[in-house]
N, C-alpha and C. Protein backbone atom coordinates (compact mmCIF):
# COMPACT_ATOMS: atom_id res chain seq x y z
N MET A 1 124.26 91.17 128.88
CA MET A 1 124.21 91.19 127.43
C MET A 1 122.85 91.67 126.93
N ALA A 2 121.78 91.24 127.59
CA ALA A 2 120.44 91.63 127.16
C ALA A 2 120.23 93.13 127.30
N SER A 3 120.78 93.74 128.35
CA SER A 3 120.58 95.18 128.54
C SER A 3 121.29 95.98 127.45
N VAL A 4 122.43 95.51 126.98
CA VAL A 4 123.14 96.18 125.89
C VAL A 4 122.32 96.10 124.61
N GLU A 5 121.71 94.95 124.37
CA GLU A 5 120.88 94.77 123.17
C GLU A 5 119.66 95.69 123.20
N ILE A 6 119.04 95.85 124.34
CA ILE A 6 117.88 96.73 124.47
C ILE A 6 118.28 98.18 124.20
N ILE A 7 119.40 98.62 124.75
CA ILE A 7 119.88 99.98 124.53
C ILE A 7 120.20 100.19 123.06
N HIS A 8 120.78 99.20 122.43
CA HIS A 8 121.14 99.32 121.01
C HIS A 8 119.91 99.42 120.12
N ARG A 9 118.84 98.75 120.45
CA ARG A 9 117.63 98.74 119.63
C ARG A 9 116.74 99.96 119.84
N GLN A 10 116.86 100.61 120.96
CA GLN A 10 115.94 101.69 121.31
C GLN A 10 115.87 102.80 120.25
N PRO A 11 116.96 103.30 119.69
CA PRO A 11 116.82 104.35 118.69
C PRO A 11 116.00 103.91 117.47
N ILE A 12 116.09 102.64 117.11
CA ILE A 12 115.31 102.15 115.98
C ILE A 12 113.82 102.21 116.32
N HIS A 13 113.45 101.84 117.54
CA HIS A 13 112.06 101.93 117.95
C HIS A 13 111.57 103.37 117.92
N LEU A 14 112.40 104.29 118.37
CA LEU A 14 112.02 105.69 118.34
C LEU A 14 111.82 106.17 116.90
N LEU A 15 112.65 105.69 116.00
CA LEU A 15 112.51 106.05 114.59
C LEU A 15 111.17 105.55 114.05
N TRP A 16 110.82 104.31 114.37
CA TRP A 16 109.54 103.76 113.89
C TRP A 16 108.36 104.53 114.47
N TYR A 17 108.46 104.90 115.76
CA TYR A 17 107.39 105.70 116.37
C TYR A 17 107.27 107.06 115.67
N TRP A 18 108.43 107.68 115.40
CA TRP A 18 108.42 108.97 114.72
C TRP A 18 107.78 108.83 113.33
N LEU A 19 108.18 107.83 112.57
CA LEU A 19 107.64 107.65 111.22
C LEU A 19 106.13 107.41 111.26
N ALA A 20 105.66 106.62 112.21
CA ALA A 20 104.22 106.39 112.33
C ALA A 20 103.52 107.71 112.65
N PHE A 21 104.05 108.47 113.58
CA PHE A 21 103.46 109.74 113.99
C PHE A 21 103.42 110.74 112.84
N ILE A 22 104.53 110.96 112.17
CA ILE A 22 104.59 111.99 111.13
C ILE A 22 103.77 111.59 109.90
N ASN A 23 103.66 110.31 109.61
CA ASN A 23 102.82 109.87 108.50
C ASN A 23 101.34 110.06 108.81
N ILE A 24 100.95 109.83 110.03
CA ILE A 24 99.56 110.09 110.43
C ILE A 24 99.28 111.58 110.34
N ILE A 25 100.21 112.40 110.79
CA ILE A 25 100.04 113.86 110.73
C ILE A 25 99.93 114.31 109.28
N ALA A 26 100.79 113.80 108.39
CA ALA A 26 100.74 114.19 106.98
C ALA A 26 99.41 113.77 106.35
N PHE A 27 98.94 112.58 106.67
CA PHE A 27 97.66 112.10 106.15
C PHE A 27 96.52 113.01 106.61
N ILE A 28 96.50 113.33 107.90
CA ILE A 28 95.47 114.20 108.44
C ILE A 28 95.57 115.60 107.84
N ALA A 29 96.79 116.09 107.64
CA ALA A 29 96.97 117.43 107.06
C ALA A 29 96.37 117.51 105.66
N MET A 30 96.53 116.45 104.87
CA MET A 30 95.93 116.44 103.54
C MET A 30 94.40 116.46 103.64
N SER A 31 93.86 115.75 104.61
CA SER A 31 92.41 115.72 104.82
C SER A 31 91.90 117.10 105.23
N VAL A 32 92.58 117.71 106.18
CA VAL A 32 92.17 119.02 106.68
C VAL A 32 92.28 120.06 105.56
N ASP A 33 93.35 120.02 104.79
CA ASP A 33 93.53 120.99 103.72
C ASP A 33 92.45 120.83 102.65
N LYS A 34 92.07 119.60 102.34
CA LYS A 34 91.00 119.36 101.38
C LYS A 34 89.68 119.92 101.91
N TYR A 35 89.39 119.67 103.18
CA TYR A 35 88.17 120.20 103.80
C TYR A 35 88.14 121.72 103.73
N ARG A 36 89.27 122.34 104.06
CA ARG A 36 89.34 123.79 104.05
C ARG A 36 89.24 124.34 102.63
N ALA A 37 89.78 123.64 101.66
CA ALA A 37 89.68 124.08 100.27
C ALA A 37 88.22 124.08 99.81
N ARG A 38 87.51 123.04 100.15
CA ARG A 38 86.09 122.94 99.77
C ARG A 38 85.24 124.02 100.42
N ASN A 39 85.61 124.42 101.62
CA ASN A 39 84.80 125.37 102.39
C ASN A 39 85.36 126.79 102.35
N HIS A 40 86.29 127.03 101.45
CA HIS A 40 86.87 128.37 101.25
C HIS A 40 87.40 128.97 102.55
N LYS A 41 88.13 128.17 103.29
CA LYS A 41 88.72 128.61 104.55
C LYS A 41 90.24 128.71 104.39
N TRP A 42 90.88 129.18 105.45
CA TRP A 42 92.34 129.28 105.48
C TRP A 42 92.95 127.92 105.21
N ARG A 43 93.94 127.87 104.34
CA ARG A 43 94.55 126.61 103.90
C ARG A 43 95.89 126.35 104.58
N ILE A 44 96.28 125.10 104.59
CA ILE A 44 97.60 124.73 105.06
C ILE A 44 98.57 125.06 103.93
N PRO A 45 99.64 125.82 104.20
CA PRO A 45 100.58 126.17 103.13
C PRO A 45 101.23 124.92 102.51
N GLU A 46 101.50 124.99 101.21
CA GLU A 46 102.15 123.86 100.53
C GLU A 46 103.50 123.57 101.14
N LYS A 47 104.20 124.61 101.60
CA LYS A 47 105.50 124.40 102.25
C LYS A 47 105.36 123.50 103.46
N THR A 48 104.27 123.66 104.20
CA THR A 48 104.05 122.84 105.40
C THR A 48 103.78 121.39 105.01
N LEU A 49 103.00 121.18 103.97
CA LEU A 49 102.73 119.81 103.51
C LEU A 49 104.03 119.14 103.06
N PHE A 50 104.88 119.89 102.36
CA PHE A 50 106.16 119.33 101.95
C PHE A 50 107.09 119.10 103.14
N LEU A 51 107.00 119.97 104.14
CA LEU A 51 107.82 119.77 105.34
C LEU A 51 107.46 118.46 106.02
N PHE A 52 106.17 118.16 106.13
CA PHE A 52 105.76 116.88 106.71
C PHE A 52 106.34 115.71 105.91
N ALA A 53 106.34 115.84 104.58
CA ALA A 53 106.89 114.77 103.72
C ALA A 53 108.39 114.62 103.95
N VAL A 54 109.10 115.72 103.99
CA VAL A 54 110.56 115.67 104.17
C VAL A 54 110.93 115.12 105.55
N LEU A 55 110.11 115.40 106.54
CA LEU A 55 110.38 114.91 107.89
C LEU A 55 110.04 113.43 108.08
N GLY A 56 109.62 112.77 107.00
CA GLY A 56 109.37 111.34 107.06
C GLY A 56 107.94 110.95 106.75
N GLY A 57 107.08 111.93 106.49
CA GLY A 57 105.67 111.64 106.26
C GLY A 57 105.27 111.56 104.80
N SER A 58 106.22 111.23 103.94
CA SER A 58 105.91 111.20 102.51
C SER A 58 104.87 110.14 102.16
N LEU A 59 104.95 108.98 102.76
CA LEU A 59 103.98 107.92 102.47
C LEU A 59 102.58 108.32 102.95
N GLY A 60 102.49 108.90 104.12
CA GLY A 60 101.20 109.39 104.63
C GLY A 60 100.64 110.49 103.75
N GLY A 61 101.53 111.36 103.25
CA GLY A 61 101.10 112.42 102.35
C GLY A 61 100.58 111.89 101.03
N ILE A 62 101.25 110.88 100.51
CA ILE A 62 100.82 110.26 99.25
C ILE A 62 99.46 109.57 99.46
N CYS A 63 99.35 108.82 100.53
CA CYS A 63 98.07 108.14 100.81
C CYS A 63 96.94 109.15 100.99
N GLY A 64 97.20 110.24 101.71
CA GLY A 64 96.21 111.28 101.90
C GLY A 64 95.85 111.98 100.61
N MET A 65 96.86 112.18 99.77
CA MET A 65 96.63 112.86 98.49
C MET A 65 95.64 112.08 97.64
N TYR A 66 95.80 110.78 97.58
CA TYR A 66 94.91 109.97 96.75
C TYR A 66 93.62 109.58 97.47
N ALA A 67 93.66 109.41 98.77
CA ALA A 67 92.44 109.06 99.51
C ALA A 67 91.42 110.20 99.45
N PHE A 68 91.92 111.44 99.50
CA PHE A 68 91.03 112.59 99.51
C PHE A 68 91.00 113.32 98.17
N ARG A 69 91.68 112.75 97.18
CA ARG A 69 91.77 113.37 95.85
C ARG A 69 92.16 114.83 95.96
N HIS A 70 93.23 115.04 96.68
CA HIS A 70 93.68 116.41 96.96
C HIS A 70 95.09 116.60 96.41
N LYS A 71 95.28 117.62 95.62
CA LYS A 71 96.57 117.98 95.01
C LYS A 71 97.01 116.97 93.95
N THR A 72 96.10 116.14 93.47
CA THR A 72 96.47 115.12 92.49
C THR A 72 96.68 115.69 91.09
N LEU A 73 96.27 116.92 90.86
CA LEU A 73 96.50 117.56 89.57
C LEU A 73 97.73 118.46 89.59
N HIS A 74 98.39 118.53 90.73
CA HIS A 74 99.60 119.35 90.88
C HIS A 74 100.83 118.46 90.73
N LYS A 75 101.58 118.65 89.65
CA LYS A 75 102.79 117.84 89.42
C LYS A 75 103.77 117.96 90.57
N LYS A 76 103.78 119.13 91.17
CA LYS A 76 104.69 119.35 92.30
C LYS A 76 104.47 118.29 93.38
N PHE A 77 103.21 117.88 93.57
CA PHE A 77 102.89 116.88 94.58
C PHE A 77 102.95 115.46 94.04
N THR A 78 102.41 115.24 92.84
CA THR A 78 102.37 113.87 92.30
C THR A 78 103.74 113.35 91.94
N VAL A 79 104.68 114.25 91.70
CA VAL A 79 106.06 113.84 91.43
C VAL A 79 106.92 114.05 92.67
N GLY A 80 106.69 115.15 93.36
CA GLY A 80 107.53 115.51 94.51
C GLY A 80 107.43 114.55 95.68
N PHE A 81 106.22 114.20 96.08
CA PHE A 81 106.08 113.30 97.23
C PHE A 81 106.69 111.92 96.96
N PRO A 82 106.41 111.30 95.79
CA PRO A 82 107.07 110.01 95.52
C PRO A 82 108.59 110.13 95.42
N ALA A 83 109.09 111.25 94.90
CA ALA A 83 110.54 111.45 94.82
C ALA A 83 111.15 111.53 96.21
N ILE A 84 110.47 112.23 97.11
CA ILE A 84 110.95 112.31 98.49
C ILE A 84 110.94 110.92 99.13
N LEU A 85 109.85 110.18 98.92
CA LEU A 85 109.76 108.82 99.46
C LEU A 85 110.88 107.93 98.92
N PHE A 86 111.12 108.00 97.62
CA PHE A 86 112.18 107.21 97.01
C PHE A 86 113.53 107.55 97.65
N PHE A 87 113.80 108.84 97.80
CA PHE A 87 115.05 109.29 98.40
C PHE A 87 115.17 108.79 99.84
N GLN A 88 114.09 108.86 100.60
CA GLN A 88 114.11 108.41 101.99
C GLN A 88 114.35 106.91 102.09
N ILE A 89 113.74 106.15 101.20
CA ILE A 89 113.96 104.70 101.19
C ILE A 89 115.41 104.39 100.85
N ALA A 90 115.96 105.10 99.85
CA ALA A 90 117.36 104.88 99.47
C ALA A 90 118.30 105.20 100.63
N ILE A 91 118.06 106.29 101.32
CA ILE A 91 118.88 106.65 102.49
C ILE A 91 118.75 105.59 103.57
N GLY A 92 117.53 105.11 103.80
CA GLY A 92 117.30 104.06 104.80
C GLY A 92 118.05 102.79 104.47
N ILE A 93 118.04 102.40 103.20
CA ILE A 93 118.76 101.19 102.79
C ILE A 93 120.26 101.37 102.99
N LEU A 94 120.77 102.52 102.59
CA LEU A 94 122.21 102.79 102.77
C LEU A 94 122.60 102.77 104.24
N LEU A 95 121.80 103.39 105.08
CA LEU A 95 122.11 103.40 106.52
C LEU A 95 122.03 101.99 107.10
N TYR A 96 121.06 101.22 106.67
CA TYR A 96 120.91 99.86 107.17
C TYR A 96 122.10 98.99 106.78
N ARG A 97 122.57 99.18 105.56
CA ARG A 97 123.70 98.37 105.06
C ARG A 97 125.02 98.73 105.73
N TYR A 98 125.25 100.01 105.97
CA TYR A 98 126.57 100.44 106.40
C TYR A 98 126.68 100.81 107.86
N ILE A 99 125.60 100.68 108.61
CA ILE A 99 125.70 100.98 110.04
C ILE A 99 125.49 99.71 110.83
């Protein structure tokens, strides 16, 4: 019985590992992009920052946005990232309830 329970829980652990990883990446990406903006270097495309958010890193992106004061004047980010996070939380709640 214990081995069945471990197998059943494993995908959830992988999901948590993925979310931790992608949120750290999104946070770092905001930091790197801010650094590059200040130093007039090649920037991380906005599409890439949004991709990190859509892949589960929306919270890390939001934290990075405000920690580094980066993209905070762009409505696309100040509204978009929280909207993605809200949508992801809603999907998570629905999956938790019905699976």
